C-alpha atoms as a PDB file:
ATOM      1  CA  MET A   1      24.563  61.937  57.056  1.00  0.00           C
ATOM      2  CA  ILE A   2      26.538  61.595  60.256  1.00  0.00           C
ATOM      3  CA  LEU A   3      29.047  58.780  60.573  1.00  0.00           C
ATOM      4  CA  GLY A   4      29.209  57.433  64.135  1.00  0.00           C
ATOM      5  CA  ILE A   5      32.165  55.447  65.496  1.00  0.00           C
ATOM      6  CA  GLU A   6      32.177  53.647  68.869  1.00  0.00           C
ATOM      7  CA  THR A   7      35.177  51.678  70.199  1.00  0.00           C
ATOM      8  CA  SER A   8      35.136  52.402  73.935  1.00  0.00           C
ATOM      9  CA  CYS A   9      35.218  48.809  75.168  1.00  0.00           C
ATOM     10  CA  ASP A  10      34.660  45.406  73.561  1.00  0.00           C
ATOM     11  CA  GLU A  11      32.348  46.198  70.651  1.00  0.00           C
ATOM     12  CA  THR A  12      33.384  47.863  67.414  1.00  0.00           C
ATOM     13  CA  SER A  13      30.428  49.773  66.020  1.00  0.00           C
ATOM     14  CA  VAL A  14      29.837  52.007  63.012  1.00  0.00           C
ATOM     15  CA  ALA A  15      26.574  53.770  62.131  1.00  0.00           C
ATOM     16  CA  LEU A  16      25.140  56.178  59.577  1.00  0.00           C
ATOM     17  CA  LEU A  17      22.438  58.550  60.787  1.00  0.00           C
ATOM     18  CA  GLU A  18      20.156  60.881  58.875  1.00  0.00           C
ATOM     19  CA  ARG A  19      19.535  64.459  60.088  1.00  0.00           C
ATOM     20  CA  ASP A  20      16.130  63.485  61.501  1.00  0.00           C
ATOM     21  CA  GLY A  21      17.665  60.731  63.607  1.00  0.00           C
ATOM     22  CA  THR A  22      16.769  57.888  61.252  1.00  0.00           C
ATOM     23  CA  VAL A  23      19.329  55.115  61.587  1.00  0.00           C
ATOM     24  CA  ARG A  24      20.341  54.097  58.079  1.00  0.00           C
ATOM     25  CA  VAL A  25      22.703  51.416  59.314  1.00  0.00           C
ATOM     26  CA  ASN A  26      24.121  50.377  62.684  1.00  0.00           C
ATOM     27  CA  LEU A  27      26.761  47.653  62.600  1.00  0.00           C
ATOM     28  CA  ILE A  28      28.324  46.000  65.642  1.00  0.00           C
ATOM     29  CA  ALA A  29      31.244  43.578  65.708  1.00  0.00           C
ATOM     30  CA  SER A  30      30.937  41.858  69.071  1.00  0.00           C
ATOM     31  CA  GLN A  31      33.980  40.477  70.870  1.00  0.00           C
ATOM     32  CA  ILE A  32      32.141  38.312  73.413  1.00  0.00           C
ATOM     33  CA  ASP A  33      33.619  35.082  72.043  1.00  0.00           C
ATOM     34  CA  ARG A  34      37.153  36.504  72.328  1.00  0.00           C
ATOM     35  CA  HIS A  35      36.751  37.601  75.952  1.00  0.00           C
ATOM     36  CA  GLN A  36      34.492  34.829  77.240  1.00  0.00           C
ATOM     37  CA  PRO A  37      37.339  32.444  78.180  1.00  0.00           C
ATOM     38  CA  PHE A  38      38.696  35.124  80.530  1.00  0.00           C
ATOM     39  CA  GLY A  39      35.363  35.979  82.167  1.00  0.00           C
ATOM     40  CA  GLY A  40      35.726  39.650  81.285  1.00  0.00           C
ATOM     41  CA  VAL A  41      37.202  42.137  78.837  1.00  0.00           C
ATOM     42  CA  VAL A  42      40.946  41.959  78.156  1.00  0.00           C
ATOM     43  CA  PRO A  43      42.002  45.496  77.051  1.00  0.00           C
ATOM     44  CA  GLU A  44      44.826  44.408  74.738  1.00  0.00           C
ATOM     45  CA  ILE A  45      42.602  41.928  72.916  1.00  0.00           C
ATOM     46  CA  ALA A  46      39.868  44.563  72.613  1.00  0.00           C
ATOM     47  CA  SER A  47      42.237  47.065  70.994  1.00  0.00           C
ATOM     48  CA  ARG A  48      43.486  44.543  68.449  1.00  0.00           C
ATOM     49  CA  GLU A  49      39.948  43.521  67.552  1.00  0.00           C
ATOM     50  CA  HIS A  50      39.011  47.170  66.964  1.00  0.00           C
ATOM     51  CA  LEU A  51      41.989  47.588  64.638  1.00  0.00           C
ATOM     52  CA  GLN A  52      40.870  44.567  62.664  1.00  0.00           C
ATOM     53  CA  HIS A  53      37.181  45.497  62.348  1.00  0.00           C
ATOM     54  CA  LEU A  54      36.884  49.310  62.247  1.00  0.00           C
ATOM     55  CA  PHE A  55      37.547  50.197  58.608  1.00  0.00           C
ATOM     56  CA  PRO A  56      35.927  47.081  57.123  1.00  0.00           C
ATOM     57  CA  LEU A  57      32.809  48.057  59.103  1.00  0.00           C
ATOM     58  CA  VAL A  58      32.931  51.615  57.716  1.00  0.00           C
ATOM     59  CA  SER A  59      33.108  50.263  54.172  1.00  0.00           C
ATOM     60  CA  ARG A  60      30.303  47.802  54.829  1.00  0.00           C
ATOM     61  CA  ALA A  61      28.126  50.533  56.393  1.00  0.00           C
ATOM     62  CA  LEU A  62      28.455  52.699  53.292  1.00  0.00           C
ATOM     63  CA  ALA A  63      27.647  49.732  51.066  1.00  0.00           C
ATOM     64  CA  ASP A  64      24.617  48.704  53.128  1.00  0.00           C
ATOM     65  CA  ALA A  65      23.310  52.291  53.103  1.00  0.00           C
ATOM     66  CA  ARG A  66      24.057  52.605  49.379  1.00  0.00           C
ATOM     67  CA  ALA A  67      26.005  55.742  50.187  1.00  0.00           C
ATOM     68  CA  GLY A  68      29.393  57.134  49.233  1.00  0.00           C
ATOM     69  CA  TRP A  69      32.135  59.032  51.026  1.00  0.00           C
ATOM     70  CA  SER A  70      30.667  62.319  49.768  1.00  0.00           C
ATOM     71  CA  ASP A  71      27.441  61.620  51.700  1.00  0.00           C
ATOM     72  CA  ILE A  72      29.254  61.890  55.050  1.00  0.00           C
ATOM     73  CA  GLU A  73      28.777  65.425  56.399  1.00  0.00           C
ATOM     74  CA  GLU A  74      30.135  64.969  59.950  1.00  0.00           C
ATOM     75  CA  ILE A  75      31.849  62.282  61.986  1.00  0.00           C
ATOM     76  CA  ALA A  76      30.998  61.643  65.643  1.00  0.00           C
ATOM     77  CA  VAL A  77      33.382  59.456  67.655  1.00  0.00           C
ATOM     78  CA  THR A  78      33.506  58.277  71.254  1.00  0.00           C
ATOM     79  CA  SER A  79      36.429  59.999  72.974  1.00  0.00           C
ATOM     80  CA  GLY A  80      35.865  58.618  76.474  1.00  0.00           C
ATOM     81  CA  PRO A  81      35.365  57.219  78.998  1.00  0.00           C
ATOM     82  CA  GLY A  82      36.539  53.736  78.134  1.00  0.00           C
ATOM     83  CA  LEU A  83      39.620  51.583  77.609  1.00  0.00           C
ATOM     84  CA  ILE A  84      42.461  53.855  76.498  1.00  0.00           C
ATOM     85  CA  GLY A  85      43.790  51.589  73.755  1.00  0.00           C
ATOM     86  CA  ALA A  86      40.320  50.885  72.421  1.00  0.00           C
ATOM     87  CA  LEU A  87      39.409  54.569  72.366  1.00  0.00           C
ATOM     88  CA  LEU A  88      42.626  55.451  70.544  1.00  0.00           C
ATOM     89  CA  VAL A  89      41.726  53.152  67.673  1.00  0.00           C
ATOM     90  CA  GLY A  90      38.376  54.851  67.123  1.00  0.00           C
ATOM     91  CA  VAL A  91      39.602  58.410  67.640  1.00  0.00           C
ATOM     92  CA  ALA A  92      42.640  57.991  65.381  1.00  0.00           C
ATOM     93  CA  GLY A  93      40.505  56.405  62.674  1.00  0.00           C
ATOM     94  CA  ALA A  94      37.908  59.175  62.918  1.00  0.00           C
ATOM     95  CA  GLN A  95      40.602  61.875  62.790  1.00  0.00           C
ATOM     96  CA  GLY A  96      42.050  60.365  59.627  1.00  0.00           C
ATOM     97  CA  LEU A  97      38.662  60.178  57.950  1.00  0.00           C
ATOM     98  CA  SER A  98      37.782  63.716  59.037  1.00  0.00           C
ATOM     99  CA  TYR A  99      41.001  65.057  57.532  1.00  0.00           C
ATOM    100  CA  ALA A 100      40.686  63.043  54.330  1.00  0.00           C
ATOM    101  CA  LEU A 101      37.035  63.966  53.740  1.00  0.00           C
ATOM    102  CA  GLY A 102      37.302  67.544  54.993  1.00  0.00           C
ATOM    103  CA  VAL A 103      34.316  67.198  57.334  1.00  0.00           C
ATOM    104  CA  PRO A 104      33.876  68.270  60.992  1.00  0.00           C
ATOM    105  CA  LEU A 105      34.814  65.833  63.754  1.00  0.00           C
ATOM    106  CA  LEU A 106      32.639  65.710  66.889  1.00  0.00           C
ATOM    107  CA  SER A 107      34.145  64.368  70.122  1.00  0.00           C
ATOM    108  CA  ILE A 108      31.386  62.582  72.055  1.00  0.00           C
ATOM    109  CA  ASN A 109      31.316  61.388  75.639  1.00  0.00           C
ATOM    110  CA  HIS A 110      30.246  57.748  75.730  1.00  0.00           C
ATOM    111  CA  LEU A 111      27.722  58.452  78.492  1.00  0.00           C
ATOM    112  CA  GLU A 112      26.226  61.274  76.462  1.00  0.00           C
ATOM    113  CA  GLY A 113      25.444  58.721  73.779  1.00  0.00           C
ATOM    114  CA  HIS A 114      23.650  56.505  76.291  1.00  0.00           C
ATOM    115  CA  LEU A 115      21.656  59.474  77.628  1.00  0.00           C
ATOM    116  CA  PHE A 116      19.902  60.019  74.313  1.00  0.00           C
ATOM    117  CA  SER A 117      19.755  56.388  73.110  1.00  0.00           C
ATOM    118  CA  PRO A 118      16.191  55.709  74.384  1.00  0.00           C
ATOM    119  CA  TYR A 119      14.913  58.161  71.769  1.00  0.00           C
ATOM    120  CA  LEU A 120      16.329  56.250  68.813  1.00  0.00           C
ATOM    121  CA  GLN A 121      13.835  54.098  66.945  1.00  0.00           C
ATOM    122  CA  ARG A 122      14.479  50.801  65.208  1.00  0.00           C
ATOM    123  CA  GLU A 123      12.690  52.219  62.174  1.00  0.00           C
ATOM    124  CA  GLY A 124      12.047  55.803  61.123  1.00  0.00           C
ATOM    125  CA  ALA A 125      12.984  59.134  62.644  1.00  0.00           C
ATOM    126  CA  ALA A 126      14.051  59.456  66.268  1.00  0.00           C
ATOM    127  CA  ALA A 127      11.437  60.409  68.863  1.00  0.00           C
ATOM    128  CA  SER A 128      11.342  64.055  69.883  1.00  0.00           C
ATOM    129  CA  LEU A 129      13.331  64.892  72.984  1.00  0.00           C
ATOM    130  CA  PRO A 130      11.357  66.609  75.765  1.00  0.00           C
ATOM    131  CA  ALA A 131      12.550  69.918  77.174  1.00  0.00           C
ATOM    132  CA  ARG A 132      13.615  68.114  80.348  1.00  0.00           C
ATOM    133  CA  PHE A 133      13.991  64.461  81.279  1.00  0.00           C
ATOM    134  CA  LEU A 134      15.865  62.210  83.687  1.00  0.00           C
ATOM    135  CA  SER A 135      18.137  59.545  82.225  1.00  0.00           C
ATOM    136  CA  MET A 136      19.371  56.606  84.281  1.00  0.00           C
ATOM    137  CA  VAL A 137      22.476  55.019  82.731  1.00  0.00           C
ATOM    138  CA  VAL A 138      23.077  51.485  84.039  1.00  0.00           C
ATOM    139  CA  SER A 139      25.773  49.370  82.415  1.00  0.00           C
ATOM    140  CA  GLY A 140      28.914  47.364  83.034  1.00  0.00           C
ATOM    141  CA  GLY A 141      30.945  50.453  83.831  1.00  0.00           C
ATOM    142  CA  HIS A 142      28.402  53.092  84.829  1.00  0.00           C
ATOM    143  CA  SER A 143      25.537  53.646  87.251  1.00  0.00           C
ATOM    144  CA  SER A 144      24.332  57.253  87.321  1.00  0.00           C
ATOM    145  CA  ILE A 145      21.213  59.374  87.003  1.00  0.00           C
ATOM    146  CA  TYR A 146      21.288  62.610  84.993  1.00  0.00           C
ATOM    147  CA  ASP A 147      18.988  65.590  84.699  1.00  0.00           C
ATOM    148  CA  VAL A 148      18.901  66.576  81.026  1.00  0.00           C
ATOM    149  CA  ASN A 149      17.453  70.066  80.704  1.00  0.00           C
ATOM    150  CA  GLY A 150      17.825  71.373  77.176  1.00  0.00           C
ATOM    151  CA  GLY A 151      21.540  71.592  76.475  1.00  0.00           C
ATOM    152  CA  ALA A 152      22.495  71.265  80.162  1.00  0.00           C
ATOM    153  CA  VAL A 153      23.315  67.839  81.596  1.00  0.00           C
ATOM    154  CA  THR A 154      23.621  67.548  85.390  1.00  0.00           C
ATOM    155  CA  MET A 155      24.803  64.405  87.154  1.00  0.00           C
ATOM    156  CA  LEU A 156      22.498  63.768  90.127  1.00  0.00           C
ATOM    157  CA  ASN A 157      24.258  60.715  91.507  1.00  0.00           C
ATOM    158  CA  ARG A 158      26.885  58.109  90.660  1.00  0.00           C
ATOM    159  CA  THR A 159      28.248  54.826  91.918  1.00  0.00           C
ATOM    160  CA  ARG A 160      30.891  55.101  94.604  1.00  0.00           C
ATOM    161  CA  ASP A 161      32.403  51.728  93.759  1.00  0.00           C
ATOM    162  CA  ASP A 162      31.145  48.991  91.417  1.00  0.00           C
ATOM    163  CA  ALA A 163      28.658  49.588  88.618  1.00  0.00           C
ATOM    164  CA  ILE A 164      25.527  47.444  88.513  1.00  0.00           C
ATOM    165  CA  GLY A 165      26.517  45.622  85.315  1.00  0.00           C
ATOM    166  CA  GLU A 166      29.971  44.884  86.704  1.00  0.00           C
ATOM    167  CA  THR A 167      28.312  43.442  89.820  1.00  0.00           C
ATOM    168  CA  PHE A 168      26.146  41.168  87.688  1.00  0.00           C
ATOM    169  CA  ASP A 169      29.214  39.934  85.789  1.00  0.00           C
ATOM    170  CA  LYS A 170      31.475  39.318  88.793  1.00  0.00           C
ATOM    171  CA  VAL A 171      28.904  37.392  90.797  1.00  0.00           C
ATOM    172  CA  ALA A 172      27.910  35.399  87.712  1.00  0.00           C
ATOM    173  CA  LYS A 173      31.550  34.474  87.137  1.00  0.00           C
ATOM    174  CA  PHE A 174      31.923  33.324  90.747  1.00  0.00           C
ATOM    175  CA  ILE A 175      28.953  30.961  90.496  1.00  0.00           C
ATOM    176  CA  GLY A 176      30.132  29.541  87.181  1.00  0.00           C
ATOM    177  CA  LEU A 177      27.874  31.333  84.712  1.00  0.00           C
ATOM    178  CA  PRO A 178      29.390  32.414  81.364  1.00  0.00           C
ATOM    179  CA  TYR A 179      30.251  35.988  80.404  1.00  0.00           C
ATOM    180  CA  PRO A 180      28.399  38.320  80.078  1.00  0.00           C
ATOM    181  CA  GLY A 181      26.797  37.519  83.402  1.00  0.00           C
ATOM    182  CA  GLY A 182      23.794  39.851  83.418  1.00  0.00           C
ATOM    183  CA  PRO A 183      21.706  37.978  80.819  1.00  0.00           C
ATOM    184  CA  GLN A 184      22.632  34.656  82.454  1.00  0.00           C
ATOM    185  CA  ILE A 185      21.452  35.746  85.893  1.00  0.00           C
ATOM    186  CA  GLU A 186      18.275  37.166  84.371  1.00  0.00           C
ATOM    187  CA  LYS A 187      17.589  33.845  82.634  1.00  0.00           C
ATOM    188  CA  HIS A 188      17.948  31.810  85.840  1.00  0.00           C
ATOM    189  CA  ALA A 189      16.096  34.425  87.921  1.00  0.00           C
ATOM    190  CA  ARG A 190      12.932  33.858  85.869  1.00  0.00           C
ATOM    191  CA  ASP A 191      12.483  30.518  87.647  1.00  0.00           C
ATOM    192  CA  GLY A 192      13.324  31.845  91.109  1.00  0.00           C
ATOM    193  CA  LYS A 193      10.837  32.480  93.916  1.00  0.00           C
ATOM    194  CA  ILE A 194      12.845  35.308  95.518  1.00  0.00           C
ATOM    195  CA  GLU A 195      12.741  33.654  98.936  1.00  0.00           C
ATOM    196  CA  ARG A 196      14.032  36.636 100.877  1.00  0.00           C
ATOM    197  CA  GLN A 197      14.395  34.751 104.137  1.00  0.00           C
ATOM    198  CA  ARG A 198      16.649  32.232 102.456  1.00  0.00           C
ATOM    199  CA  PHE A 199      18.822  34.650 100.491  1.00  0.00           C
ATOM    200  CA  LEU A 200      18.728  37.996 102.232  1.00  0.00           C
ATOM    201  CA  PHE A 201      20.332  41.160 100.829  1.00  0.00           C
ATOM    202  CA  SER A 202      19.997  44.639 102.299  1.00  0.00           C
ATOM    203  CA  VAL A 203      19.838  47.948 100.427  1.00  0.00           C
ATOM    204  CA  PRO A 204      22.921  49.984 101.434  1.00  0.00           C
ATOM    205  CA  GLN A 205      22.432  53.487 102.802  1.00  0.00           C
ATOM    206  CA  PHE A 206      24.955  56.263 103.459  1.00  0.00           C
ATOM    207  CA  LYS A 207      25.166  58.180 106.722  1.00  0.00           C
ATOM    208  CA  ASP A 208      25.022  61.461 104.824  1.00  0.00           C
ATOM    209  CA  ALA A 209      21.730  60.400 103.138  1.00  0.00           C
ATOM    210  CA  SER A 210      23.455  60.490  99.751  1.00  0.00           C
ATOM    211  CA  ALA A 211      21.544  59.191  96.726  1.00  0.00           C
ATOM    212  CA  ASP A 212      24.743  57.652  95.294  1.00  0.00           C
ATOM    213  CA  PHE A 213      24.799  53.990  94.324  1.00  0.00           C
ATOM    214  CA  SER A 214      27.081  51.439  95.981  1.00  0.00           C
ATOM    215  CA  TYR A 215      27.196  47.853  94.757  1.00  0.00           C
ATOM    216  CA  SER A 216      30.431  46.520  96.259  1.00  0.00           C
ATOM    217  CA  GLY A 217      28.666  45.448  99.464  1.00  0.00           C
ATOM    218  CA  ILE A 218      25.970  43.498  97.640  1.00  0.00           C
ATOM    219  CA  LYS A 219      28.633  41.893  95.465  1.00  0.00           C
ATOM    220  CA  ALA A 220      30.669  40.787  98.481  1.00  0.00           C
ATOM    221  CA  SER A 221      27.559  39.527 100.304  1.00  0.00           C
ATOM    222  CA  ALA A 222      26.446  37.553  97.256  1.00  0.00           C
ATOM    223  CA  ILE A 223      29.842  35.892  96.863  1.00  0.00           C
ATOM    224  CA  ARG A 224      30.006  34.978 100.582  1.00  0.00           C
ATOM    225  CA  LEU A 225      26.471  33.621 100.477  1.00  0.00           C
ATOM    226  CA  ALA A 226      27.083  31.621  97.308  1.00  0.00           C
ATOM    227  CA  ARG A 227      30.197  30.096  98.855  1.00  0.00           C
ATOM    228  CA  ALA A 228      28.416  29.239 102.098  1.00  0.00           C
ATOM    229  CA  GLU A 229      25.330  27.773 100.407  1.00  0.00           C
ATOM    230  CA  GLY A 230      27.198  25.998  97.626  1.00  0.00           C
ATOM    231  CA  ILE A 231      25.420  27.952  94.888  1.00  0.00           C
ATOM    232  CA  HIS A 232      26.917  27.067  91.503  1.00  0.00           C
ATOM    233  CA  ALA A 233      25.858  26.625  87.883  1.00  0.00           C
ATOM    234  CA  ASP A 234      26.750  22.921  88.154  1.00  0.00           C
ATOM    235  CA  GLY A 235      24.846  22.475  91.418  1.00  0.00           C
ATOM    236  CA  ASP A 236      21.223  22.569  92.566  1.00  0.00           C
ATOM    237  CA  LEU A 237      19.348  24.453  89.827  1.00  0.00           C
ATOM    238  CA  ARG A 238      16.443  25.278  92.171  1.00  0.00           C
ATOM    239  CA  ALA A 239      18.793  26.958  94.627  1.00  0.00           C
ATOM    240  CA  LEU A 240      20.605  28.683  91.747  1.00  0.00           C
ATOM    241  CA  ALA A 241      17.335  30.135  90.444  1.00  0.00           C
ATOM    242  CA  ASP A 242      16.273  31.393  93.868  1.00  0.00           C
ATOM    243  CA  PHE A 243      19.699  32.909  94.455  1.00  0.00           C
ATOM    244  CA  CYS A 244      19.728  34.686  91.072  1.00  0.00           C
ATOM    245  CA  ALA A 245      16.206  36.015  91.610  1.00  0.00           C
ATOM    246  CA  SER A 246      17.036  37.371  95.073  1.00  0.00           C
ATOM    247  CA  PHE A 247      20.341  38.842  93.946  1.00  0.00           C
ATOM    248  CA  GLN A 248      18.825  40.530  90.901  1.00  0.00           C
ATOM    249  CA  ASP A 249      15.966  41.854  92.999  1.00  0.00           C
ATOM    250  CA  ALA A 250      18.423  43.382  95.483  1.00  0.00           C
ATOM    251  CA  LEU A 251      20.320  45.168  92.711  1.00  0.00           C
ATOM    252  CA  PHE A 252      17.115  46.672  91.343  1.00  0.00           C
ATOM    253  CA  GLU A 253      15.827  47.594  94.804  1.00  0.00           C
ATOM    254  CA  GLN A 254      18.766  49.936  95.155  1.00  0.00           C
ATOM    255  CA  LEU A 255      18.118  51.459  91.719  1.00  0.00           C
ATOM    256  CA  PHE A 256      14.547  52.343  92.645  1.00  0.00           C
ATOM    257  CA  ASP A 257      15.470  53.422  96.150  1.00  0.00           C
ATOM    258  CA  ARG A 258      17.868  56.006  94.707  1.00  0.00           C
ATOM    259  CA  LEU A 259      15.521  56.998  91.889  1.00  0.00           C
ATOM    260  CA  ASN A 260      12.727  57.614  94.405  1.00  0.00           C
ATOM    261  CA  SER A 261      15.067  59.630  96.595  1.00  0.00           C
ATOM    262  CA  ILE A 262      16.135  61.831  93.699  1.00  0.00           C
ATOM    263  CA  TRP A 263      12.589  62.208  92.390  1.00  0.00           C
ATOM    264  CA  SER A 264      11.369  63.403  95.797  1.00  0.00           C
ATOM    265  CA  ARG A 265      14.053  66.117  95.863  1.00  0.00           C
ATOM    266  CA  LEU A 266      13.306  67.570  92.439  1.00  0.00           C
ATOM    267  CA  ARG A 267      11.656  70.939  92.244  1.00  0.00           C
ATOM    268  CA  ALA A 268       8.654  71.723  90.061  1.00  0.00           C
ATOM    269  CA  PRO A 269       8.122  71.666  87.217  1.00  0.00           C
ATOM    270  CA  LEU A 270       9.136  68.008  87.281  1.00  0.00           C
ATOM    271  CA  PRO A 271      10.609  66.255  84.242  1.00  0.00           C
ATOM    272  CA  THR A 272       7.935  64.874  81.965  1.00  0.00           C
ATOM    273  CA  GLU A 273       9.890  61.746  81.077  1.00  0.00           C
ATOM    274  CA  VAL A 274      12.329  59.307  82.670  1.00  0.00           C
ATOM    275  CA  ALA A 275      14.614  57.306  80.388  1.00  0.00           C
ATOM    276  CA  ILE A 276      16.763  54.300  81.182  1.00  0.00           C
ATOM    277  CA  ALA A 277      19.818  53.368  79.121  1.00  0.00           C
ATOM    278  CA  GLY A 278      22.870  51.124  79.073  1.00  0.00           C
ATOM    279  CA  GLY A 279      23.347  47.381  78.825  1.00  0.00           C
ATOM    280  CA  VAL A 280      21.373  46.580  81.984  1.00  0.00           C
ATOM    281  CA  ALA A 281      18.373  48.418  80.463  1.00  0.00           C
ATOM    282  CA  ALA A 282      17.868  45.333  78.273  1.00  0.00           C
ATOM    283  CA  ASN A 283      16.842  43.341  81.377  1.00  0.00           C
ATOM    284  CA  GLY A 284      13.173  42.404  81.030  1.00  0.00           C
ATOM    285  CA  THR A 285      12.416  42.535  84.747  1.00  0.00           C
ATOM    286  CA  LEU A 286      13.899  46.009  85.055  1.00  0.00           C
ATOM    287  CA  ARG A 287      11.984  47.252  82.018  1.00  0.00           C
ATOM    288  CA  ASP A 288       8.684  45.998  83.478  1.00  0.00           C
ATOM    289  CA  ARG A 289       9.413  47.616  86.838  1.00  0.00           C
ATOM    290  CA  MET A 290      10.328  50.917  85.187  1.00  0.00           C
ATOM    291  CA  LEU A 291       7.050  50.985  83.279  1.00  0.00           C
ATOM    292  CA  ALA A 292       5.153  50.272  86.505  1.00  0.00           C
ATOM    293  CA  TRP A 293       7.099  53.031  88.287  1.00  0.00           C
ATOM    294  CA  GLY A 294       6.168  55.510  85.576  1.00  0.00           C
ATOM    295  CA  ALA A 295       2.498  54.477  85.509  1.00  0.00           C
ATOM    296  CA  GLU A 296       2.245  54.967  89.262  1.00  0.00           C
ATOM    297  CA  ARG A 297       3.569  58.528  88.950  1.00  0.00           C
ATOM    298  CA  ARG A 298       1.969  59.295  85.577  1.00  0.00           C
ATOM    299  CA  VAL A 299       5.382  59.891  84.054  1.00  0.00           C
ATOM    300  CA  THR A 300       6.379  58.707  80.590  1.00  0.00           C
ATOM    301  CA  VAL A 301       9.129  56.078  80.753  1.00  0.00           C
ATOM    302  CA  ARG A 302      11.421  55.783  77.733  1.00  0.00           C
ATOM    303  CA  LEU A 303      12.932  52.363  77.204  1.00  0.00           C
ATOM    304  CA  PRO A 304      15.637  51.983  74.554  1.00  0.00           C
ATOM    305  CA  GLU A 305      15.286  49.477  71.773  1.00  0.00           C
ATOM    306  CA  LYS A 306      17.324  46.506  72.969  1.00  0.00           C
ATOM    307  CA  VAL A 307      19.724  46.872  70.043  1.00  0.00           C
ATOM    308  CA  TYR A 308      20.603  50.343  71.382  1.00  0.00           C
ATOM    309  CA  CYS A 309      21.110  49.247  75.012  1.00  0.00           C
ATOM    310  CA  THR A 310      24.631  47.961  74.545  1.00  0.00           C
ATOM    311  CA  ASP A 311      27.464  50.084  73.147  1.00  0.00           C
ATOM    312  CA  ASN A 312      26.633  51.188  69.608  1.00  0.00           C
ATOM    313  CA  ALA A 313      27.616  53.900  67.146  1.00  0.00           C
ATOM    314  CA  ALA A 314      24.054  55.014  66.393  1.00  0.00           C
ATOM    315  CA  MET A 315      23.755  56.578  69.842  1.00  0.00           C
ATOM    316  CA  ILE A 316      27.109  58.345  69.369  1.00  0.00           C
ATOM    317  CA  ALA A 317      25.970  59.790  66.041  1.00  0.00           C
ATOM    318  CA  PHE A 318      22.665  60.823  67.639  1.00  0.00           C
ATOM    319  CA  ALA A 319      24.492  62.623  70.458  1.00  0.00           C
ATOM    320  CA  GLY A 320      26.509  64.386  67.771  1.00  0.00           C
ATOM    321  CA  LEU A 321      23.271  65.406  66.072  1.00  0.00           C
ATOM    322  CA  GLN A 322      22.085  67.030  69.319  1.00  0.00           C
ATOM    323  CA  ARG A 323      25.301  69.069  69.454  1.00  0.00           C
ATOM    324  CA  ILE A 324      24.828  70.237  65.882  1.00  0.00           C
ATOM    325  CA  SER A 325      21.192  71.151  66.566  1.00  0.00           C
ATOM    326  CA  GLU A 326      22.242  73.294  69.532  1.00  0.00           C
ATOM    327  CA  ALA A 327      25.089  75.021  67.699  1.00  0.00           C
ATOM    328  CA  GLY A 328      23.276  75.436  64.390  1.00  0.00           C
ATOM    329  CA  ASP A 329      26.532  74.811  62.519  1.00  0.00           C
ATOM    330  CA  PRO A 330      28.745  71.713  62.976  1.00  0.00           C
ATOM    331  CA  ARG A 331      31.852  73.879  62.546  1.00  0.00           C
ATOM    332  CA  ARG A 332      30.908  75.757  65.717  1.00  0.00           C
ATOM    333  CA  VAL A 333      30.633  72.633  67.860  1.00  0.00           C
ATOM    334  CA  THR A 334      33.480  72.416  70.369  1.00  0.00           C
ATOM    335  CA  ALA A 335      35.286  69.157  71.024  1.00  0.00           C
ATOM    336  CA  ARG A 336      34.627  69.311  74.768  1.00  0.00           C
ATOM    337  CA  SER A 337      31.941  66.903  75.972  1.00  0.00           C
ATOM    338  CA  ARG A 338      29.092  68.198  78.109  1.00  0.00           C
ATOM    339  CA  ILE A 339      29.520  65.524  80.770  1.00  0.00           C
ATOM    340  CA  ALA A 340      32.530  65.874  83.039  1.00  0.00           C
END
């Protein structure tokens, strides 16, 4: 089995994965209650929480899987990107376990874990990865689209400023919704009419026709509009719903605008599947729109199980499994991540 460890931000996670991608156990110690009073993640608090939860979670994972230390064949740990202090807790813990158990240690890029997460199943072996697929990673810290072609991962675009999840959270905080803001805005948006003439947002474009994302402008526009219209969680709920629906719609319009731009530039043979990953991939509206996008183009859309949308160790272990499969021998796997 592969032991996965994820401590890149505000969730301590430990997982045990079989060689066929079956998740034996995936445990997550959430820190939302600790960070909620501050409206966002406090790095120092996150690091201390990881120190408190990491090894008890490892012990619990082994107990839940009815496994012992001798069953661990490799350890995969997130080495970045993320909060430095939080990452250090996971990496140092994984290094100690690797040395004590005498098993290989795999250094995994956090984004690499997200790339493959849509292929994990809640039950049973992981789905087979296609020879080539696009993966759109949308979360609190990342907004990028990647071309995954065998062992090669190519970044096709990125965000030039704010990530989409960060934009959700910051606007939600301004209008008085609790952290994390994305699920709160989604909840209120369900009742909104998306009255575009009342709450108007434009899709930003670059002069150089770049397919990069940019969410800082939408964030600033939303905050100005909310201030001018008096939009607040304690105010007119009808106006709040319409605002959330329009704002959410504008964020997703940019996602599909960039996805369409990238798709039109790809050369044949086109990828057979498009996957979406990251915390924002749990949004029901986005999932429905992705499925419709795929049906229109006759492309398979891979949606991650919601439990694997947020940061989790199962996806880190699964990324480690892909490295081992490519190398044929875990001792030959280099520590360098494939994503720069």
